[in-house]
Amino acid sequence: MALTQKQRLFVDEYLIDLNATQAAIRAGYSKRTAGQIGDENLKKPQIAQAIKEAMDSRNKRAQIDADYVLRRLVEIDQMDVADILTDDMSVRPLHEWPKVWRQYLAGFDVSELFEG
């Protein structure tokens, strides 16, 4: 059974934030019944299948899956500030930083402390 236009829009909108209620509202369902409709839509086999296919397609295009996310989280967890500092606590030149640091940081502030 093919999806209606509103159901197809629901699928597209659900992929934005995985919030069925908000997807239903954005797809044009009544705000008053959006929670119920969103829940019902997720339980419909044809809609659930369309969501799965759309997510799989997006993951393939982006080359990101749960394993990739977990690998990145492990890399971030294992980052050591000593990898970007010299023995005198100054910041190494960027080209000497490990890749994980270059990918993760968007910017940082450096403060100098003085005694006395």
N, C-alpha and C. Protein backbone atom coordinates (compact mmCIF):
# COMPACT_ATOMS: atom_id res chain seq x y z
N MET A 1 0.85 -1.18 0.00
CA MET A 1 0.00 0.00 0.00
C MET A 1 0.90 1.25 0.00
N ALA A 2 0.67 2.13 -0.93
CA ALA A 2 1.47 3.34 -1.05
C ALA A 2 1.10 4.35 0.03
N LEU A 3 2.05 5.19 0.38
CA LEU A 3 1.80 6.23 1.37
C LEU A 3 1.03 7.38 0.73
N THR A 4 0.21 8.00 1.53
CA THR A 4 -0.46 9.22 1.07
C THR A 4 0.58 10.34 1.06
N GLN A 5 0.23 11.44 0.45
CA GLN A 5 1.14 12.58 0.40
C GLN A 5 1.46 13.07 1.82
N LYS A 6 0.45 13.10 2.68
CA LYS A 6 0.64 13.56 4.06
C LYS A 6 1.53 12.59 4.84
N GLN A 7 1.36 11.28 4.60
CA GLN A 7 2.20 10.30 5.27
C GLN A 7 3.65 10.41 4.80
N ARG A 8 3.86 10.64 3.51
CA ARG A 8 5.21 10.81 2.96
C ARG A 8 5.86 12.04 3.58
N LEU A 9 5.08 13.12 3.72
CA LEU A 9 5.59 14.32 4.35
C LEU A 9 5.93 14.05 5.82
N PHE A 10 5.08 13.26 6.49
CA PHE A 10 5.36 12.88 7.87
C PHE A 10 6.72 12.17 7.97
N VAL A 11 6.96 11.24 7.06
CA VAL A 11 8.24 10.52 7.04
C VAL A 11 9.40 11.50 6.89
N ASP A 12 9.30 12.39 5.93
CA ASP A 12 10.36 13.38 5.70
C ASP A 12 10.57 14.27 6.93
N GLU A 13 9.49 14.69 7.53
CA GLU A 13 9.58 15.57 8.69
C GLU A 13 10.10 14.82 9.92
N TYR A 14 9.75 13.55 10.04
CA TYR A 14 10.21 12.75 11.18
C TYR A 14 11.73 12.63 11.17
N LEU A 15 12.32 12.56 10.00
CA LEU A 15 13.77 12.42 9.90
C LEU A 15 14.52 13.64 10.42
N ILE A 16 13.87 14.77 10.51
CA ILE A 16 14.52 16.00 10.96
C ILE A 16 14.96 15.90 12.42
N ASP A 17 14.05 15.45 13.29
CA ASP A 17 14.37 15.44 14.72
C ASP A 17 13.87 14.19 15.45
N LEU A 18 13.32 13.24 14.71
CA LEU A 18 12.79 11.99 15.28
C LEU A 18 11.71 12.25 16.33
N ASN A 19 10.98 13.33 16.16
CA ASN A 19 9.89 13.69 17.06
C ASN A 19 8.59 13.52 16.28
N ALA A 20 7.84 12.47 16.62
CA ALA A 20 6.63 12.13 15.87
C ALA A 20 5.55 13.21 15.98
N THR A 21 5.42 13.79 17.15
CA THR A 21 4.40 14.84 17.33
C THR A 21 4.71 16.05 16.45
N GLN A 22 5.94 16.52 16.52
CA GLN A 22 6.32 17.68 15.72
C GLN A 22 6.29 17.36 14.22
N ALA A 23 6.67 16.14 13.86
CA ALA A 23 6.62 15.74 12.45
C ALA A 23 5.18 15.77 11.95
N ALA A 24 4.25 15.32 12.79
CA ALA A 24 2.84 15.33 12.40
C ALA A 24 2.34 16.76 12.21
N ILE A 25 2.72 17.64 13.12
CA ILE A 25 2.32 19.05 12.99
C ILE A 25 2.89 19.64 11.71
N ARG A 26 4.18 19.43 11.47
CA ARG A 26 4.82 19.99 10.28
C ARG A 26 4.26 19.39 9.00
N ALA A 27 3.76 18.14 9.09
CA ALA A 27 3.19 17.48 7.92
C ALA A 27 1.76 17.93 7.65
N GLY A 28 1.19 18.72 8.57
CA GLY A 28 -0.13 19.27 8.32
C GLY A 28 -1.26 18.64 9.12
N TYR A 29 -0.93 17.74 10.04
CA TYR A 29 -1.97 17.18 10.90
C TYR A 29 -2.33 18.21 11.97
N SER A 30 -3.50 18.05 12.57
CA SER A 30 -3.99 18.96 13.60
C SER A 30 -3.05 18.95 14.80
N LYS A 31 -2.75 20.14 15.35
CA LYS A 31 -1.93 20.24 16.54
C LYS A 31 -2.58 19.50 17.72
N ARG A 32 -3.89 19.55 17.76
CA ARG A 32 -4.63 18.93 18.86
C ARG A 32 -4.46 17.42 18.90
N THR A 33 -4.36 16.80 17.73
CA THR A 33 -4.26 15.33 17.67
C THR A 33 -2.89 14.86 17.20
N ALA A 34 -1.93 15.76 17.07
CA ALA A 34 -0.62 15.41 16.49
C ALA A 34 0.10 14.32 17.28
N GLY A 35 0.04 14.36 18.59
CA GLY A 35 0.70 13.34 19.40
C GLY A 35 0.17 11.95 19.10
N GLN A 36 -1.14 11.84 19.05
CA GLN A 36 -1.79 10.56 18.79
C GLN A 36 -1.50 10.11 17.35
N ILE A 37 -1.64 11.01 16.40
CA ILE A 37 -1.41 10.68 14.99
C ILE A 37 0.05 10.27 14.78
N GLY A 38 0.98 11.01 15.39
CA GLY A 38 2.39 10.67 15.25
C GLY A 38 2.67 9.28 15.77
N ASP A 39 2.12 8.95 16.94
CA ASP A 39 2.30 7.62 17.51
C ASP A 39 1.70 6.54 16.61
N GLU A 40 0.50 6.80 16.11
CA GLU A 40 -0.16 5.84 15.22
C GLU A 40 0.65 5.66 13.93
N ASN A 41 1.15 6.76 13.38
CA ASN A 41 1.93 6.66 12.15
C ASN A 41 3.17 5.80 12.33
N LEU A 42 3.85 5.95 13.46
CA LEU A 42 5.05 5.15 13.69
C LEU A 42 4.75 3.66 13.79
N LYS A 43 3.51 3.32 14.15
CA LYS A 43 3.12 1.91 14.29
C LYS A 43 2.63 1.30 12.99
N LYS A 44 2.37 2.13 11.98
CA LYS A 44 1.90 1.60 10.70
C LYS A 44 3.09 1.01 9.95
N PRO A 45 2.99 -0.27 9.57
CA PRO A 45 4.13 -0.95 8.95
C PRO A 45 4.69 -0.23 7.71
N GLN A 46 3.82 0.29 6.86
CA GLN A 46 4.31 0.94 5.64
C GLN A 46 5.05 2.24 5.95
N ILE A 47 4.61 2.96 6.99
CA ILE A 47 5.30 4.20 7.38
C ILE A 47 6.61 3.85 8.08
N ALA A 48 6.58 2.86 8.96
CA ALA A 48 7.81 2.43 9.65
C ALA A 48 8.85 1.98 8.63
N GLN A 49 8.42 1.26 7.60
CA GLN A 49 9.34 0.80 6.55
C GLN A 49 9.89 1.99 5.76
N ALA A 50 9.05 2.95 5.46
CA ALA A 50 9.50 4.14 4.72
C ALA A 50 10.52 4.93 5.54
N ILE A 51 10.30 5.03 6.85
CA ILE A 51 11.25 5.72 7.73
C ILE A 51 12.58 4.97 7.73
N LYS A 52 12.51 3.65 7.86
CA LYS A 52 13.74 2.85 7.88
C LYS A 52 14.51 3.02 6.57
N GLU A 53 13.82 2.94 5.45
CA GLU A 53 14.48 3.09 4.15
C GLU A 53 15.10 4.48 3.99
N ALA A 54 14.39 5.50 4.45
CA ALA A 54 14.91 6.86 4.34
C ALA A 54 16.14 7.05 5.23
N MET A 55 16.10 6.48 6.43
CA MET A 55 17.25 6.57 7.33
C MET A 55 18.45 5.80 6.77
N ASP A 56 18.20 4.62 6.24
CA ASP A 56 19.28 3.82 5.64
C ASP A 56 19.90 4.56 4.47
N SER A 57 19.06 5.18 3.65
CA SER A 57 19.55 5.94 2.50
C SER A 57 20.41 7.12 2.95
N ARG A 58 19.93 7.83 3.96
CA ARG A 58 20.69 8.98 4.48
C ARG A 58 22.02 8.52 5.06
N ASN A 59 22.00 7.42 5.82
CA ASN A 59 23.23 6.90 6.41
C ASN A 59 24.23 6.50 5.33
N LYS A 60 23.73 5.90 4.27
CA LYS A 60 24.61 5.49 3.18
C LYS A 60 25.22 6.71 2.49
N ARG A 61 24.40 7.73 2.24
CA ARG A 61 24.91 8.96 1.60
C ARG A 61 25.95 9.64 2.47
N ALA A 62 25.67 9.72 3.76
CA ALA A 62 26.56 10.43 4.69
C ALA A 62 27.72 9.54 5.16
N GLN A 63 27.61 8.25 4.88
CA GLN A 63 28.59 7.26 5.33
C GLN A 63 28.75 7.30 6.85
N ILE A 64 27.62 7.46 7.51
CA ILE A 64 27.61 7.49 8.97
C ILE A 64 26.59 6.47 9.46
N ASP A 65 27.02 5.65 10.40
CA ASP A 65 26.11 4.71 11.05
C ASP A 65 26.45 4.68 12.53
N ALA A 66 25.78 3.83 13.28
CA ALA A 66 25.99 3.78 14.73
C ALA A 66 27.43 3.41 15.06
N ASP A 67 28.04 2.53 14.29
CA ASP A 67 29.43 2.16 14.54
C ASP A 67 30.36 3.36 14.38
N TYR A 68 30.12 4.17 13.36
CA TYR A 68 30.94 5.38 13.16
C TYR A 68 30.81 6.31 14.35
N VAL A 69 29.58 6.54 14.80
CA VAL A 69 29.34 7.44 15.93
C VAL A 69 30.05 6.92 17.18
N LEU A 70 29.95 5.64 17.43
CA LEU A 70 30.62 5.05 18.60
C LEU A 70 32.14 5.17 18.50
N ARG A 71 32.70 4.93 17.30
CA ARG A 71 34.15 5.07 17.12
C ARG A 71 34.59 6.51 17.42
N ARG A 72 33.82 7.49 16.92
CA ARG A 72 34.17 8.89 17.16
C ARG A 72 34.08 9.23 18.65
N LEU A 73 33.06 8.71 19.33
CA LEU A 73 32.94 8.98 20.76
C LEU A 73 34.11 8.39 21.53
N VAL A 74 34.57 7.21 21.14
CA VAL A 74 35.73 6.60 21.79
C VAL A 74 36.97 7.45 21.53
N GLU A 75 37.15 7.91 20.28
CA GLU A 75 38.29 8.77 19.96
C GLU A 75 38.27 10.03 20.81
N ILE A 76 37.12 10.65 20.92
CA ILE A 76 36.99 11.89 21.70
C ILE A 76 37.26 11.61 23.17
N ASP A 77 36.74 10.50 23.67
CA ASP A 77 36.96 10.13 25.07
C ASP A 77 38.44 9.92 25.37
N GLN A 78 39.19 9.45 24.40
CA GLN A 78 40.60 9.14 24.61
C GLN A 78 41.54 10.31 24.29
N MET A 79 40.99 11.46 23.94
CA MET A 79 41.83 12.62 23.65
C MET A 79 42.59 13.02 24.92
N ASP A 80 43.85 13.35 24.75
CA ASP A 80 44.70 13.76 25.87
C ASP A 80 45.30 15.12 25.54
N VAL A 81 45.08 16.10 26.41
CA VAL A 81 45.57 17.45 26.15
C VAL A 81 47.09 17.46 25.99
N ALA A 82 47.77 16.50 26.55
CA ALA A 82 49.23 16.42 26.41
C ALA A 82 49.64 16.22 24.95
N ASP A 83 48.71 15.75 24.13
CA ASP A 83 49.02 15.55 22.71
C ASP A 83 49.19 16.86 21.95
N ILE A 84 48.68 17.96 22.50
CA ILE A 84 48.78 19.24 21.78
C ILE A 84 49.62 20.27 22.53
N LEU A 85 50.21 19.86 23.66
CA LEU A 85 51.05 20.76 24.43
C LEU A 85 52.50 20.30 24.43
N THR A 86 53.40 21.25 24.52
CA THR A 86 54.82 20.93 24.66
C THR A 86 55.12 20.75 26.15
N ASP A 87 56.35 20.37 26.46
CA ASP A 87 56.74 20.17 27.87
C ASP A 87 56.63 21.45 28.69
N ASP A 88 56.79 22.61 28.05
CA ASP A 88 56.68 23.86 28.80
C ASP A 88 55.25 24.41 28.82
N MET A 89 54.28 23.56 28.43
CA MET A 89 52.85 23.86 28.47
C MET A 89 52.41 24.87 27.41
N SER A 90 53.21 25.09 26.39
CA SER A 90 52.75 25.93 25.28
C SER A 90 52.06 25.03 24.26
N VAL A 91 51.22 25.63 23.44
CA VAL A 91 50.45 24.87 22.46
C VAL A 91 51.32 24.56 21.25
N ARG A 92 51.32 23.31 20.85
CA ARG A 92 52.09 22.88 19.67
C ARG A 92 51.51 23.53 18.41
N PRO A 93 52.31 23.66 17.37
CA PRO A 93 51.76 24.14 16.09
C PRO A 93 50.67 23.18 15.61
N LEU A 94 49.68 23.71 14.96
CA LEU A 94 48.52 22.93 14.52
C LEU A 94 48.90 21.71 13.70
N HIS A 95 49.90 21.84 12.84
CA HIS A 95 50.28 20.70 11.99
C HIS A 95 50.85 19.53 12.79
N GLU A 96 51.16 19.75 14.06
CA GLU A 96 51.67 18.67 14.92
C GLU A 96 50.56 18.01 15.73
N TRP A 97 49.37 18.54 15.67
CA TRP A 97 48.26 17.97 16.44
C TRP A 97 47.79 16.66 15.82
N PRO A 98 47.38 15.70 16.64
CA PRO A 98 46.75 14.49 16.11
C PRO A 98 45.44 14.86 15.40
N LYS A 99 45.07 14.06 14.42
CA LYS A 99 43.88 14.33 13.62
C LYS A 99 42.63 14.50 14.48
N VAL A 100 42.46 13.68 15.50
CA VAL A 100 41.25 13.75 16.31
C VAL A 100 41.08 15.13 16.94
N TRP A 101 42.19 15.77 17.34
CA TRP A 101 42.11 17.11 17.90
C TRP A 101 41.73 18.13 16.83
N ARG A 102 42.29 18.00 15.64
CA ARG A 102 41.98 18.94 14.56
C ARG A 102 40.52 18.82 14.14
N GLN A 103 39.96 17.62 14.20
CA GLN A 103 38.57 17.41 13.81
C GLN A 103 37.60 17.87 14.89
N TYR A 104 37.99 17.80 16.12
CA TYR A 104 37.06 18.03 17.21
C TYR A 104 36.94 19.49 17.62
N LEU A 105 38.08 20.17 17.75
CA LEU A 105 38.04 21.54 18.26
C LEU A 105 37.64 22.53 17.19
N ALA A 106 36.74 23.43 17.55
CA ALA A 106 36.36 24.51 16.64
C ALA A 106 37.07 25.80 17.03
N GLY A 107 37.60 25.85 18.24
CA GLY A 107 38.31 27.03 18.72
C GLY A 107 38.57 26.87 20.20
N PHE A 108 39.47 27.68 20.71
CA PHE A 108 39.75 27.65 22.13
C PHE A 108 40.36 28.97 22.55
N ASP A 109 40.27 29.24 23.84
CA ASP A 109 40.86 30.45 24.41
C ASP A 109 42.10 30.06 25.22
N VAL A 110 43.14 30.85 25.13
CA VAL A 110 44.36 30.61 25.89
C VAL A 110 44.49 31.72 26.90
N SER A 111 44.71 31.33 28.15
CA SER A 111 44.92 32.30 29.23
C SER A 111 46.31 32.07 29.80
N GLU A 112 46.98 33.15 30.16
CA GLU A 112 48.27 33.04 30.81
C GLU A 112 48.12 33.47 32.26
N LEU A 113 48.72 32.69 33.15
CA LEU A 113 48.68 33.00 34.57
C LEU A 113 50.07 33.42 35.01
N PHE A 114 50.15 34.42 35.86
CA PHE A 114 51.43 34.92 36.37
C PHE A 114 51.42 34.85 37.88
N GLU A 115 52.54 34.49 38.46
CA GLU A 115 52.66 34.52 39.91
C GLU A 115 53.08 35.91 40.35
N GLY A 116 52.59 36.33 41.50
CA GLY A 116 53.00 37.60 42.07
C GLY A 116 52.25 38.68 41.52
